[in-house]
Structures are given as C-alpha cells and as structure tokens.
Amino acid sequence: MKTFTFPTFLLGVVTLLCSMGCAVRQVYRDASVGVIALPANTNKWPFRYRDQAHRIMGEQFPQGYAVISEGEEVVGQSTNYDETNQGSVEFCDGLISIGSSAYSATTTDQHEYRIHYRGK
C-alpha cells in the first residue's frame, strides 16, 4: 500500500489548482495602456495573483505605471443542462408508453478580475 506525505499531497493539490486556470494573464497591451486578468482579487499564498499582476505591469512600464480602474468583469457565460425523467417504459399490446421528461437550463455569468493601467 502506497502512502502519501503531507508535502506530496500539498504539491498535488497546488498542481491540480494551477491546471484549472490559476494564471494571471495580459488581456490587452499597447504602447501606453494594458489590461491584466486575474482569476481572483487576492494575494494569498500560493498564487499571489496581485504580485504576479504588478510584475507584469512593471515589465511593460519599468519607469512606472498607474492603475486606471480595476474590478470584476463578466467575460462569458456557462450553461448547465439538466434532464429529469419520471415514469417508466411499459409494453402493452405492442404499444410503448413512456413517462414524462423535464428539461431545464441554467445560465450563469463567468467573471474574472481585471486591472486597467497606463504608463506614467
């Protein structure tokens, strides 16, 4: 039987979370402005999203930058479908009787935190 130590378990969890889209990324960039997208507005270990964002902004504008605006933005939608079947299939004199089905769809907005900035 294989056992796992806590550091091995923690490394696995961090790796799994990173594979689920934990990267800070640059959405837009030109000579005077830029936009950074963060999965969440946090600077907690292990991801340090705000530190990553400031590093990217500093690389683009080493002479300095100013944050124009920041906040959560809708970047898409996700729809989940559900089907509920009630009843049963019955064979009676060569006829098929089927119960009822109900379908539903739930659409939710997908968000990410964005920082809009410009060079000084």
PDB file of N, CA and C in Angstrom:
ATOM      1  N   MET A   1       0.842  -1.180   0.000  1.00  0.00           N
ATOM      2  CA  MET A   1       0.000   0.000   0.000  1.00  0.00           C
ATOM      3  C   MET A   1       0.887   1.244   0.000  1.00  0.00           C
ATOM      4  N   LYS A   2       0.566   2.184  -0.870  1.00  0.00           N
ATOM      5  CA  LYS A   2       1.365   3.397  -1.007  1.00  0.00           C
ATOM      6  C   LYS A   2       0.780   4.481  -0.113  1.00  0.00           C
ATOM      7  N   THR A   3       1.641   5.159   0.647  1.00  0.00           N
ATOM      8  CA  THR A   3       1.194   6.252   1.496  1.00  0.00           C
ATOM      9  C   THR A   3       1.763   7.556   0.966  1.00  0.00           C
ATOM     10  N   PHE A   4       1.067   8.642   1.235  1.00  0.00           N
ATOM     11  CA  PHE A   4       1.492   9.958   0.778  1.00  0.00           C
ATOM     12  C   PHE A   4       1.812  10.825   1.977  1.00  0.00           C
ATOM     13  N   THR A   5       2.872  11.581   1.882  1.00  0.00           N
ATOM     14  CA  THR A   5       3.207  12.534   2.925  1.00  0.00           C
ATOM     15  C   THR A   5       2.457  13.828   2.666  1.00  0.00           C
ATOM     16  N   PHE A   6       2.361  14.660   3.681  1.00  0.00           N
ATOM     17  CA  PHE A   6       1.637  15.922   3.534  1.00  0.00           C
ATOM     18  C   PHE A   6       2.235  16.806   2.448  1.00  0.00           C
ATOM     19  N   PRO A   7       3.584  16.991   2.371  1.00  0.00           N
ATOM     20  CA  PRO A   7       4.138  17.830   1.297  1.00  0.00           C
ATOM     21  C   PRO A   7       3.795  17.301  -0.098  1.00  0.00           C
ATOM     22  N   THR A   8       3.789  15.982  -0.262  1.00  0.00           N
ATOM     23  CA  THR A   8       3.433  15.403  -1.562  1.00  0.00           C
ATOM     24  C   THR A   8       1.976  15.698  -1.883  1.00  0.00           C
ATOM     25  N   PHE A   9       1.110  15.562  -0.884  1.00  0.00           N
ATOM     26  CA  PHE A   9      -0.315  15.846  -1.070  1.00  0.00           C
ATOM     27  C   PHE A   9      -0.522  17.317  -1.430  1.00  0.00           C
ATOM     28  N   LEU A  10       0.150  18.215  -0.692  1.00  0.00           N
ATOM     29  CA  LEU A  10       0.018  19.653  -0.934  1.00  0.00           C
ATOM     30  C   LEU A  10       0.499  20.022  -2.328  1.00  0.00           C
ATOM     31  N   LEU A  11       1.614  19.453  -2.757  1.00  0.00           N
ATOM     32  CA  LEU A  11       2.116  19.704  -4.102  1.00  0.00           C
ATOM     33  C   LEU A  11       1.107  19.243  -5.149  1.00  0.00           C
ATOM     34  N   GLY A  12       0.475  18.111  -4.926  1.00  0.00           N
ATOM     35  CA  GLY A  12      -0.542  17.614  -5.851  1.00  0.00           C
ATOM     36  C   GLY A  12      -1.743  18.538  -5.931  1.00  0.00           C
ATOM     37  N   VAL A  13      -2.178  19.065  -4.790  1.00  0.00           N
ATOM     38  CA  VAL A  13      -3.324  19.977  -4.772  1.00  0.00           C
ATOM     39  C   VAL A  13      -2.982  21.272  -5.510  1.00  0.00           C
ATOM     40  N   VAL A  14      -1.805  21.828  -5.259  1.00  0.00           N
ATOM     41  CA  VAL A  14      -1.385  23.063  -5.935  1.00  0.00           C
ATOM     42  C   VAL A  14      -1.290  22.825  -7.438  1.00  0.00           C
ATOM     43  N   THR A  15      -0.724  21.700  -7.840  1.00  0.00           N
ATOM     44  CA  THR A  15      -0.616  21.377  -9.267  1.00  0.00           C
ATOM     45  C   THR A  15      -1.997  21.263  -9.897  1.00  0.00           C
ATOM     46  N   LEU A  16      -2.923  20.608  -9.204  1.00  0.00           N
ATOM     47  CA  LEU A  16      -4.290  20.469  -9.718  1.00  0.00           C
ATOM     48  C   LEU A  16      -4.949  21.828  -9.868  1.00  0.00           C
ATOM     49  N   LEU A  17      -4.825  22.685  -8.859  1.00  0.00           N
ATOM     50  CA  LEU A  17      -5.436  24.007  -8.931  1.00  0.00           C
ATOM     51  C   LEU A  17      -4.845  24.839 -10.053  1.00  0.00           C
ATOM     52  N   CYS A  18      -3.543  24.756 -10.259  1.00  0.00           N
ATOM     53  CA  CYS A  18      -2.911  25.520 -11.342  1.00  0.00           C
ATOM     54  C   CYS A  18      -3.354  25.030 -12.706  1.00  0.00           C
ATOM     55  N   SER A  19      -3.604  23.752 -12.827  1.00  0.00           N
ATOM     56  CA  SER A  19      -4.067  23.233 -14.111  1.00  0.00           C
ATOM     57  C   SER A  19      -5.490  23.667 -14.407  1.00  0.00           C
ATOM     58  N   MET A  20      -6.192  24.195 -13.411  1.00  0.00           N
ATOM     59  CA  MET A  20      -7.567  24.635 -13.593  1.00  0.00           C
ATOM     60  C   MET A  20      -7.637  26.120 -13.913  1.00  0.00           C
ATOM     61  N   GLY A  21      -6.559  26.732 -14.320  1.00  0.00           N
ATOM     62  CA  GLY A  21      -6.608  28.119 -14.773  1.00  0.00           C
ATOM     63  C   GLY A  21      -6.296  29.144 -13.716  1.00  0.00           C
ATOM     64  N   CYS A  22      -5.173  29.023 -13.045  1.00  0.00           N
ATOM     65  CA  CYS A  22      -4.859  29.978 -11.994  1.00  0.00           C
ATOM     66  C   CYS A  22      -3.848  31.019 -12.453  1.00  0.00           C
ATOM     67  N   ALA A  23      -3.645  31.165 -13.720  1.00  0.00           N
ATOM     68  CA  ALA A  23      -2.617  32.070 -14.214  1.00  0.00           C
ATOM     69  C   ALA A  23      -3.150  33.490 -14.390  1.00  0.00           C
ATOM     70  N   VAL A  24      -2.322  34.439 -13.985  1.00  0.00           N
ATOM     71  CA  VAL A  24      -2.571  35.845 -14.287  1.00  0.00           C
ATOM     72  C   VAL A  24      -2.117  36.041 -15.722  1.00  0.00           C
ATOM     73  N   ARG A  25      -2.908  36.766 -16.509  1.00  0.00           N
ATOM     74  CA  ARG A  25      -2.543  36.920 -17.921  1.00  0.00           C
ATOM     75  C   ARG A  25      -2.806  38.347 -18.379  1.00  0.00           C
ATOM     76  N   GLN A  26      -2.088  38.721 -19.421  1.00  0.00           N
ATOM     77  CA  GLN A  26      -2.285  40.034 -20.012  1.00  0.00           C
ATOM     78  C   GLN A  26      -3.332  39.909 -21.108  1.00  0.00           C
ATOM     79  N   VAL A  27      -4.428  40.672 -20.980  1.00  0.00           N
ATOM     80  CA  VAL A  27      -5.534  40.619 -21.931  1.00  0.00           C
ATOM     81  C   VAL A  27      -5.297  41.591 -23.085  1.00  0.00           C
ATOM     82  N   TYR A  28      -4.750  42.752 -22.763  1.00  0.00           N
ATOM     83  CA  TYR A  28      -4.528  43.779 -23.790  1.00  0.00           C
ATOM     84  C   TYR A  28      -3.255  44.537 -23.440  1.00  0.00           C
ATOM     85  N   ARG A  29      -2.550  44.964 -24.519  1.00  0.00           N
ATOM     86  CA  ARG A  29      -1.316  45.723 -24.313  1.00  0.00           C
ATOM     87  C   ARG A  29      -1.032  46.554 -25.551  1.00  0.00           C
ATOM     88  N   ASP A  30      -0.743  47.834 -25.355  1.00  0.00           N
ATOM     89  CA  ASP A  30      -0.210  48.652 -26.435  1.00  0.00           C
ATOM     90  C   ASP A  30       0.863  49.557 -25.830  1.00  0.00           C
ATOM     91  N   ALA A  31       1.283  50.571 -26.539  1.00  0.00           N
ATOM     92  CA  ALA A  31       2.405  51.394 -26.081  1.00  0.00           C
ATOM     93  C   ALA A  31       2.099  52.207 -24.825  1.00  0.00           C
ATOM     94  N   SER A  32       0.815  52.478 -24.557  1.00  0.00           N
ATOM     95  CA  SER A  32       0.506  53.356 -23.428  1.00  0.00           C
ATOM     96  C   SER A  32      -0.382  52.748 -22.343  1.00  0.00           C
ATOM     97  N   VAL A  33      -1.111  51.680 -22.652  1.00  0.00           N
ATOM     98  CA  VAL A  33      -2.030  51.086 -21.661  1.00  0.00           C
ATOM     99  C   VAL A  33      -1.966  49.557 -21.715  1.00  0.00           C
ATOM    100  N   GLY A  34      -2.602  48.938 -20.712  1.00  0.00           N
ATOM    101  CA  GLY A  34      -2.697  47.484 -20.686  1.00  0.00           C
ATOM    102  C   GLY A  34      -3.832  47.034 -19.786  1.00  0.00           C
ATOM    103  N   VAL A  35      -4.195  45.767 -19.918  1.00  0.00           N
ATOM    104  CA  VAL A  35      -5.232  45.157 -19.082  1.00  0.00           C
ATOM    105  C   VAL A  35      -4.721  43.799 -18.637  1.00  0.00           C
ATOM    106  N   ILE A  36      -4.795  43.545 -17.334  1.00  0.00           N
ATOM    107  CA  ILE A  36      -4.374  42.281 -16.738  1.00  0.00           C
ATOM    108  C   ILE A  36      -5.618  41.573 -16.202  1.00  0.00           C
ATOM    109  N   ALA A  37      -5.714  40.265 -16.415  1.00  0.00           N
ATOM    110  CA  ALA A  37      -6.815  39.457 -15.890  1.00  0.00           C
ATOM    111  C   ALA A  37      -6.298  38.544 -14.784  1.00  0.00           C
ATOM    112  N   LEU A  38      -6.995  38.538 -13.660  1.00  0.00           N
ATOM    113  CA  LEU A  38      -6.664  37.687 -12.524  1.00  0.00           C
ATOM    114  C   LEU A  38      -7.841  36.749 -12.264  1.00  0.00           C
ATOM    115  N   PRO A  39      -7.603  35.501 -11.922  1.00  0.00           N
ATOM    116  CA  PRO A  39      -8.711  34.607 -11.592  1.00  0.00           C
ATOM    117  C   PRO A  39      -9.496  35.083 -10.374  1.00  0.00           C
ATOM    118  N   ALA A  40      -8.821  35.779  -9.443  1.00  0.00           N
ATOM    119  CA  ALA A  40      -9.473  36.317  -8.246  1.00  0.00           C
ATOM    120  C   ALA A  40      -8.639  37.484  -7.730  1.00  0.00           C
ATOM    121  N   ASN A  41      -9.291  38.414  -7.044  1.00  0.00           N
ATOM    122  CA  ASN A  41      -8.598  39.567  -6.487  1.00  0.00           C
ATOM    123  C   ASN A  41      -8.038  39.202  -5.119  1.00  0.00           C
ATOM    124  N   THR A  42      -6.936  38.484  -5.131  1.00  0.00           N
ATOM    125  CA  THR A  42      -6.308  38.053  -3.887  1.00  0.00           C
ATOM    126  C   THR A  42      -4.798  38.034  -4.065  1.00  0.00           C
ATOM    127  N   ASN A  43      -4.121  38.093  -2.947  1.00  0.00           N
ATOM    128  CA  ASN A  43      -2.672  37.974  -2.981  1.00  0.00           C
ATOM    129  C   ASN A  43      -2.222  36.911  -1.980  1.00  0.00           C
ATOM    130  N   LYS A  44      -3.103  35.978  -1.686  1.00  0.00           N
ATOM    131  CA  LYS A  44      -2.804  34.921  -0.720  1.00  0.00           C
ATOM    132  C   LYS A  44      -1.942  33.838  -1.347  1.00  0.00           C
ATOM    133  N   TRP A  45      -1.146  33.211  -0.501  1.00  0.00           N
ATOM    134  CA  TRP A  45      -0.340  32.075  -0.907  1.00  0.00           C
ATOM    135  C   TRP A  45      -1.278  30.957  -1.311  1.00  0.00           C
ATOM    136  N   PRO A  46      -1.006  30.164  -2.314  1.00  0.00           N
ATOM    137  CA  PRO A  46       0.258  30.037  -3.019  1.00  0.00           C
ATOM    138  C   PRO A  46       0.297  30.793  -4.343  1.00  0.00           C
ATOM    139  N   PHE A  47      -0.775  31.458  -4.704  1.00  0.00           N
ATOM    140  CA  PHE A  47      -0.842  32.018  -6.052  1.00  0.00           C
ATOM    141  C   PHE A  47      -0.315  33.431  -6.174  1.00  0.00           C
ATOM    142  N   ARG A  48      -0.577  34.291  -5.190  1.00  0.00           N
ATOM    143  CA  ARG A  48      -0.083  35.670  -5.207  1.00  0.00           C
ATOM    144  C   ARG A  48      -0.443  36.386  -6.512  1.00  0.00           C
ATOM    145  N   TYR A  49      -1.746  36.394  -6.832  1.00  0.00           N
ATOM    146  CA  TYR A  49      -2.212  36.976  -8.098  1.00  0.00           C
ATOM    147  C   TYR A  49      -1.827  38.448  -8.242  1.00  0.00           C
ATOM    148  N   ARG A  50      -2.007  39.238  -7.191  1.00  0.00           N
ATOM    149  CA  ARG A  50      -1.697  40.671  -7.291  1.00  0.00           C
ATOM    150  C   ARG A  50      -0.206  40.882  -7.523  1.00  0.00           C
ATOM    151  N   ASP A  51       0.634  40.110  -6.856  1.00  0.00           N
ATOM    152  CA  ASP A  51       2.077  40.224  -7.091  1.00  0.00           C
ATOM    153  C   ASP A  51       2.409  39.903  -8.541  1.00  0.00           C
ATOM    154  N   GLN A  52       1.773  38.863  -9.088  1.00  0.00           N
ATOM    155  CA  GLN A  52       2.008  38.491 -10.485  1.00  0.00           C
ATOM    156  C   GLN A  52       1.577  39.636 -11.416  1.00  0.00           C
ATOM    157  N   ALA A  53       0.419  40.240 -11.116  1.00  0.00           N
ATOM    158  CA  ALA A  53      -0.088  41.337 -11.954  1.00  0.00           C
ATOM    159  C   ALA A  53       0.869  42.532 -11.916  1.00  0.00           C
ATOM    160  N   HIS A  54       1.339  42.888 -10.731  1.00  0.00           N
ATOM    161  CA  HIS A  54       2.262  44.027 -10.615  1.00  0.00           C
ATOM    162  C   HIS A  54       3.590  43.733 -11.311  1.00  0.00           C
ATOM    163  N   ARG A  55       4.036  42.495 -11.294  1.00  0.00           N
ATOM    164  CA  ARG A  55       5.264  42.134 -12.002  1.00  0.00           C
ATOM    165  C   ARG A  55       5.082  42.340 -13.510  1.00  0.00           C
ATOM    166  N   ILE A  56       3.934  41.898 -14.056  1.00  0.00           N
ATOM    167  CA  ILE A  56       3.666  42.048 -15.495  1.00  0.00           C
ATOM    168  C   ILE A  56       3.565  43.528 -15.874  1.00  0.00           C
ATOM    169  N   MET A  57       2.859  44.311 -15.051  1.00  0.00           N
ATOM    170  CA  MET A  57       2.728  45.746 -15.337  1.00  0.00           C
ATOM    171  C   MET A  57       4.091  46.432 -15.271  1.00  0.00           C
ATOM    172  N   GLY A  58       4.924  46.048 -14.297  1.00  0.00           N
ATOM    173  CA  GLY A  58       6.253  46.633 -14.163  1.00  0.00           C
ATOM    174  C   GLY A  58       7.179  46.263 -15.310  1.00  0.00           C
ATOM    175  N   GLU A  59       7.001  45.060 -15.856  1.00  0.00           N
ATOM    176  CA  GLU A  59       7.808  44.662 -17.023  1.00  0.00           C
ATOM    177  C   GLU A  59       7.445  45.500 -18.242  1.00  0.00           C
ATOM    178  N   GLN A  60       6.145  45.820 -18.396  1.00  0.00           N
ATOM    179  CA  GLN A  60       5.725  46.633 -19.544  1.00  0.00           C
ATOM    180  C   GLN A  60       6.144  48.084 -19.369  1.00  0.00           C
ATOM    181  N   PHE A  61       6.017  48.610 -18.145  1.00  0.00           N
ATOM    182  CA  PHE A  61       6.352  50.015 -17.871  1.00  0.00           C
ATOM    183  C   PHE A  61       7.352  50.086 -16.723  1.00  0.00           C
ATOM    184  N   PRO A  62       8.641  49.832 -17.009  1.00  0.00           N
ATOM    185  CA  PRO A  62       9.644  49.862 -15.940  1.00  0.00           C
ATOM    186  C   PRO A  62       9.804  51.242 -15.303  1.00  0.00           C
ATOM    187  N   GLN A  63       9.426  52.296 -16.039  1.00  0.00           N
ATOM    188  CA  GLN A  63       9.518  53.650 -15.495  1.00  0.00           C
ATOM    189  C   GLN A  63       8.353  53.951 -14.560  1.00  0.00           C
ATOM    190  N   GLY A  64       7.387  53.086 -14.469  1.00  0.00           N
ATOM    191  CA  GLY A  64       6.250  53.244 -13.562  1.00  0.00           C
ATOM    192  C   GLY A  64       4.922  53.149 -14.289  1.00  0.00           C
ATOM    193  N   TYR A  65       3.889  52.849 -13.552  1.00  0.00           N
ATOM    194  CA  TYR A  65       2.535  52.706 -14.107  1.00  0.00           C
ATOM    195  C   TYR A  65       1.524  53.166 -13.071  1.00  0.00           C
ATOM    196  N   ALA A  66       0.335  53.482 -13.553  1.00  0.00           N
ATOM    197  CA  ALA A  66      -0.769  53.879 -12.684  1.00  0.00           C
ATOM    198  C   ALA A  66      -1.982  53.033 -13.031  1.00  0.00           C
ATOM    199  N   VAL A  67      -2.688  52.567 -12.008  1.00  0.00           N
ATOM    200  CA  VAL A  67      -3.913  51.800 -12.225  1.00  0.00           C
ATOM    201  C   VAL A  67      -5.030  52.783 -12.553  1.00  0.00           C
ATOM    202  N   ILE A  68      -5.672  52.572 -13.702  1.00  0.00           N
ATOM    203  CA  ILE A  68      -6.780  53.429 -14.135  1.00  0.00           C
ATOM    204  C   ILE A  68      -8.063  52.986 -13.452  1.00  0.00           C
ATOM    205  N   SER A  69      -8.332  51.690 -13.525  1.00  0.00           N
ATOM    206  CA  SER A  69      -9.512  51.122 -12.874  1.00  0.00           C
ATOM    207  C   SER A  69      -9.285  49.635 -12.664  1.00  0.00           C
ATOM    208  N   GLU A  70     -10.055  49.066 -11.747  1.00  0.00           N
ATOM    209  CA  GLU A  70      -9.992  47.630 -11.531  1.00  0.00           C
ATOM    210  C   GLU A  70     -11.319  47.164 -10.976  1.00  0.00           C
ATOM    211  N   GLY A  71     -11.648  45.906 -11.261  1.00  0.00           N
ATOM    212  CA  GLY A  71     -12.889  45.340 -10.770  1.00  0.00           C
ATOM    213  C   GLY A  71     -13.231  44.049 -11.493  1.00  0.00           C
ATOM    214  N   GLU A  72     -14.276  43.424 -11.025  1.00  0.00           N
ATOM    215  CA  GLU A  72     -14.734  42.170 -11.620  1.00  0.00           C
ATOM    216  C   GLU A  72     -15.527  42.461 -12.886  1.00  0.00           C
ATOM    217  N   GLU A  73     -15.261  41.696 -13.939  1.00  0.00           N
ATOM    218  CA  GLU A  73     -15.950  41.878 -15.214  1.00  0.00           C
ATOM    219  C   GLU A  73     -16.523  40.552 -15.691  1.00  0.00           C
ATOM    220  N   VAL A  74     -17.663  40.632 -16.371  1.00  0.00           N
ATOM    221  CA  VAL A  74     -18.261  39.453 -16.987  1.00  0.00           C
ATOM    222  C   VAL A  74     -17.493  39.168 -18.273  1.00  0.00           C
ATOM    223  N   VAL A  75     -17.004  37.938 -18.424  1.00  0.00           N
ATOM    224  CA  VAL A  75     -16.191  37.583 -19.583  1.00  0.00           C
ATOM    225  C   VAL A  75     -16.814  36.459 -20.413  1.00  0.00           C
ATOM    226  N   GLY A  76     -17.979  36.001 -20.023  1.00  0.00           N
ATOM    227  CA  GLY A  76     -18.644  34.935 -20.767  1.00  0.00           C
ATOM    228  C   GLY A  76     -19.775  34.360 -19.952  1.00  0.00           C
ATOM    229  N   GLN A  77     -20.357  33.291 -20.485  1.00  0.00           N
ATOM    230  CA  GLN A  77     -21.445  32.609 -19.799  1.00  0.00           C
ATOM    231  C   GLN A  77     -21.240  31.101 -19.863  1.00  0.00           C
ATOM    232  N   SER A  78     -21.807  30.432 -18.892  1.00  0.00           N
ATOM    233  CA  SER A  78     -21.774  28.976 -18.839  1.00  0.00           C
ATOM    234  C   SER A  78     -23.206  28.485 -18.668  1.00  0.00           C
ATOM    235  N   THR A  79     -23.593  27.470 -19.442  1.00  0.00           N
ATOM    236  CA  THR A  79     -24.944  26.925 -19.358  1.00  0.00           C
ATOM    237  C   THR A  79     -24.875  25.464 -18.966  1.00  0.00           C
ATOM    238  N   ASN A  80     -25.636  25.113 -17.937  1.00  0.00           N
ATOM    239  CA  ASN A  80     -25.750  23.721 -17.487  1.00  0.00           C
ATOM    240  C   ASN A  80     -27.142  23.210 -17.830  1.00  0.00           C
ATOM    241  N   TYR A  81     -27.192  22.023 -18.401  1.00  0.00           N
ATOM    242  CA  TYR A  81     -28.451  21.414 -18.792  1.00  0.00           C
ATOM    243  C   TYR A  81     -28.773  20.255 -17.860  1.00  0.00           C
ATOM    244  N   ASP A  82     -30.053  20.100 -17.540  1.00  0.00           N
ATOM    245  CA  ASP A  82     -30.486  19.015 -16.662  1.00  0.00           C
ATOM    246  C   ASP A  82     -31.738  18.384 -17.254  1.00  0.00           C
ATOM    247  N   GLU A  83     -31.785  17.070 -17.217  1.00  0.00           N
ATOM    248  CA  GLU A  83     -32.954  16.332 -17.696  1.00  0.00           C
ATOM    249  C   GLU A  83     -33.438  15.430 -16.578  1.00  0.00           C
ATOM    250  N   THR A  84     -34.720  15.513 -16.288  1.00  0.00           N
ATOM    251  CA  THR A  84     -35.327  14.672 -15.266  1.00  0.00           C
ATOM    252  C   THR A  84     -36.388  13.813 -15.930  1.00  0.00           C
ATOM    253  N   ASN A  85     -36.260  12.518 -15.765  1.00  0.00           N
ATOM    254  CA  ASN A  85     -37.247  11.582 -16.318  1.00  0.00           C
ATOM    255  C   ASN A  85     -38.106  11.033 -15.199  1.00  0.00           C
ATOM    256  N   GLN A  86     -39.394  11.032 -15.430  1.00  0.00           N
ATOM    257  CA  GLN A  86     -40.327  10.458 -14.460  1.00  0.00           C
ATOM    258  C   GLN A  86     -41.179   9.429 -15.182  1.00  0.00           C
ATOM    259  N   GLY A  87     -41.471   8.381 -14.513  1.00  0.00           N
ATOM    260  CA  GLY A  87     -42.300   7.340 -15.119  1.00  0.00           C
ATOM    261  C   GLY A  87     -41.429   6.189 -15.583  1.00  0.00           C
ATOM    262  N   SER A  88     -42.020   5.319 -16.352  1.00  0.00           N
ATOM    263  CA  SER A  88     -41.311   4.134 -16.808  1.00  0.00           C
ATOM    264  C   SER A  88     -41.782   3.766 -18.201  1.00  0.00           C
ATOM    265  N   VAL A  89     -41.087   2.836 -18.802  1.00  0.00           N
ATOM    266  CA  VAL A  89     -41.466   2.332 -20.120  1.00  0.00           C
ATOM    267  C   VAL A  89     -42.329   1.094 -19.904  1.00  0.00           C
ATOM    268  N   GLU A  90     -43.483   1.091 -20.540  1.00  0.00           N
ATOM    269  CA  GLU A  90     -44.390  -0.052 -20.411  1.00  0.00           C
ATOM    270  C   GLU A  90     -44.721  -0.597 -21.797  1.00  0.00           C
ATOM    271  N   PHE A  91     -44.684  -1.901 -21.922  1.00  0.00           N
ATOM    272  CA  PHE A  91     -45.082  -2.556 -23.165  1.00  0.00           C
ATOM    273  C   PHE A  91     -46.456  -3.170 -22.931  1.00  0.00           C
ATOM    274  N   CYS A  92     -47.403  -2.754 -23.726  1.00  0.00           N
ATOM    275  CA  CYS A  92     -48.759  -3.251 -23.544  1.00  0.00           C
ATOM    276  C   CYS A  92     -49.408  -3.401 -24.920  1.00  0.00           C
ATOM    277  N   ASP A  93     -49.669  -4.605 -25.333  1.00  0.00           N
ATOM    278  CA  ASP A  93     -50.304  -4.894 -26.616  1.00  0.00           C
ATOM    279  C   ASP A  93     -49.546  -4.252 -27.781  1.00  0.00           C
ATOM    280  N   GLY A  94     -48.208  -4.292 -27.734  1.00  0.00           N
ATOM    281  CA  GLY A  94     -47.413  -3.757 -28.826  1.00  0.00           C
ATOM    282  C   GLY A  94     -47.235  -2.257 -28.805  1.00  0.00           C
ATOM    283  N   LEU A  95     -47.793  -1.559 -27.817  1.00  0.00           N
ATOM    284  CA  LEU A  95     -47.645  -0.109 -27.690  1.00  0.00           C
ATOM    285  C   LEU A  95     -46.618   0.208 -26.603  1.00  0.00           C
ATOM    286  N   ILE A  96     -45.925   1.285 -26.803  1.00  0.00           N
ATOM    287  CA  ILE A  96     -44.943   1.704 -25.804  1.00  0.00           C
ATOM    288  C   ILE A  96     -45.473   2.958 -25.120  1.00  0.00           C
ATOM    289  N   SER A  97     -45.517   2.914 -23.811  1.00  0.00           N
ATOM    290  CA  SER A  97     -45.947   4.064 -23.030  1.00  0.00           C
ATOM    291  C   SER A  97     -44.744   4.567 -22.243  1.00  0.00           C
ATOM    292  N   ILE A  98     -44.411   5.835 -22.421  1.00  0.00           N
ATOM    293  CA  ILE A  98     -43.246   6.400 -21.755  1.00  0.00           C
ATOM    294  C   ILE A  98     -43.702   7.513 -20.819  1.00  0.00           C
ATOM    295  N   GLY A  99     -43.068   7.603 -19.653  1.00  0.00           N
ATOM    296  CA  GLY A  99     -43.396   8.651 -18.691  1.00  0.00           C
ATOM    297  C   GLY A  99     -42.984  10.014 -19.203  1.00  0.00           C
ATOM    298  N   SER A 100     -42.996  10.993 -18.343  1.00  0.00           N
ATOM    299  CA  SER A 100     -42.705  12.359 -18.753  1.00  0.00           C
ATOM    300  C   SER A 100     -41.231  12.712 -18.499  1.00  0.00           C
ATOM    301  N   SER A 101     -40.750  13.695 -19.230  1.00  0.00           N
ATOM    302  CA  SER A 101     -39.391  14.211 -19.066  1.00  0.00           C
ATOM    303  C   SER A 101     -39.461  15.720 -18.901  1.00  0.00           C
ATOM    304  N   ALA A 102     -38.570  16.234 -18.094  1.00  0.00           N
ATOM    305  CA  ALA A 102     -38.479  17.682 -17.901  1.00  0.00           C
ATOM    306  C   ALA A 102     -37.042  18.108 -18.176  1.00  0.00           C
ATOM    307  N   TYR A 103     -36.887  19.189 -18.914  1.00  0.00           N
ATOM    308  CA  TYR A 103     -35.572  19.710 -19.251  1.00  0.00           C
ATOM    309  C   TYR A 103     -35.445  21.106 -18.666  1.00  0.00           C
ATOM    310  N   SER A 104     -34.265  21.414 -18.182  1.00  0.00           N
ATOM    311  CA  SER A 104     -34.023  22.776 -17.704  1.00  0.00           C
ATOM    312  C   SER A 104     -32.595  23.176 -18.051  1.00  0.00           C
ATOM    313  N   ALA A 105     -32.414  24.472 -18.198  1.00  0.00           N
ATOM    314  CA  ALA A 105     -31.087  25.021 -18.487  1.00  0.00           C
ATOM    315  C   ALA A 105     -30.856  26.202 -17.551  1.00  0.00           C
ATOM    316  N   THR A 106     -29.684  26.243 -16.960  1.00  0.00           N
ATOM    317  CA  THR A 106     -29.316  27.334 -16.078  1.00  0.00           C
ATOM    318  C   THR A 106     -28.070  28.010 -16.644  1.00  0.00           C
ATOM    319  N   THR A 107     -28.187  29.303 -16.913  1.00  0.00           N
ATOM    320  CA  THR A 107     -27.059  30.061 -17.458  1.00  0.00           C
ATOM    321  C   THR A 107     -26.540  31.011 -16.389  1.00  0.00           C
ATOM    322  N   THR A 108     -25.223  30.980 -16.181  1.00  0.00           N
ATOM    323  CA  THR A 108     -24.591  31.868 -15.210  1.00  0.00           C
ATOM    324  C   THR A 108     -23.455  32.628 -15.879  1.00  0.00           C
ATOM    325  N   ASP A 109     -23.230  33.844 -15.418  1.00  0.00           N
ATOM    326  CA  ASP A 109     -22.128  34.652 -15.928  1.00  0.00           C
ATOM    327  C   ASP A 109     -20.803  34.137 -15.376  1.00  0.00           C
ATOM    328  N   GLN A 110     -19.765  34.200 -16.197  1.00  0.00           N
ATOM    329  CA  GLN A 110     -18.410  33.861 -15.778  1.00  0.00           C
ATOM    330  C   GLN A 110     -17.659  35.179 -15.572  1.00  0.00           C
ATOM    331  N   HIS A 111     -16.978  35.306 -14.441  1.00  0.00           N
ATOM    332  CA  HIS A 111     -16.297  36.552 -14.081  1.00  0.00           C
ATOM    333  C   HIS A 111     -14.797  36.343 -13.956  1.00  0.00           C
ATOM    334  N   GLU A 112     -14.065  37.434 -14.126  1.00  0.00           N
ATOM    335  CA  GLU A 112     -12.663  37.476 -13.748  1.00  0.00           C
ATOM    336  C   GLU A 112     -12.356  38.904 -13.332  1.00  0.00           C
ATOM    337  N   TYR A 113     -11.344  39.052 -12.520  1.00  0.00           N
ATOM    338  CA  TYR A 113     -10.958  40.366 -12.030  1.00  0.00           C
ATOM    339  C   TYR A 113      -9.966  40.971 -13.018  1.00  0.00           C
ATOM    340  N   ARG A 114     -10.172  42.236 -13.375  1.00  0.00           N
ATOM    341  CA  ARG A 114      -9.293  42.888 -14.349  1.00  0.00           C
ATOM    342  C   ARG A 114      -8.747  44.211 -13.805  1.00  0.00           C
ATOM    343  N   ILE A 115      -7.499  44.449 -14.147  1.00  0.00           N
ATOM    344  CA  ILE A 115      -6.840  45.702 -13.782  1.00  0.00           C
ATOM    345  C   ILE A 115      -6.468  46.420 -15.082  1.00  0.00           C
ATOM    346  N   HIS A 116      -6.988  47.652 -15.249  1.00  0.00           N
ATOM    347  CA  HIS A 116      -6.668  48.503 -16.393  1.00  0.00           C
ATOM    348  C   HIS A 116      -5.617  49.510 -15.902  1.00  0.00           C
ATOM    349  N   TYR A 117      -4.516  49.650 -16.643  1.00  0.00           N
ATOM    350  CA  TYR A 117      -3.418  50.505 -16.191  1.00  0.00           C
ATOM    351  C   TYR A 117      -2.788  51.231 -17.384  1.00  0.00           C
ATOM    352  N   ARG A 118      -1.980  52.247 -17.059  1.00  0.00           N
ATOM    353  CA  ARG A 118      -1.275  53.012 -18.081  1.00  0.00           C
ATOM    354  C   ARG A 118       0.126  53.334 -17.574  1.00  0.00           C
ATOM    355  N   GLY A 119       1.013  53.621 -18.503  1.00  0.00           N
ATOM    356  CA  GLY A 119       2.367  54.016 -18.132  1.00  0.00           C
ATOM    357  C   GLY A 119       2.382  55.445 -17.625  1.00  0.00           C
ATOM    358  N   LYS A 120       3.350  55.746 -16.768  1.00  0.00           N
ATOM    359  CA  LYS A 120       3.484  57.124 -16.250  1.00  0.00           C
ATOM    360  C   LYS A 120       4.324  57.970 -17.185  1.00  0.00           C
TER     361      LYS A 120
END
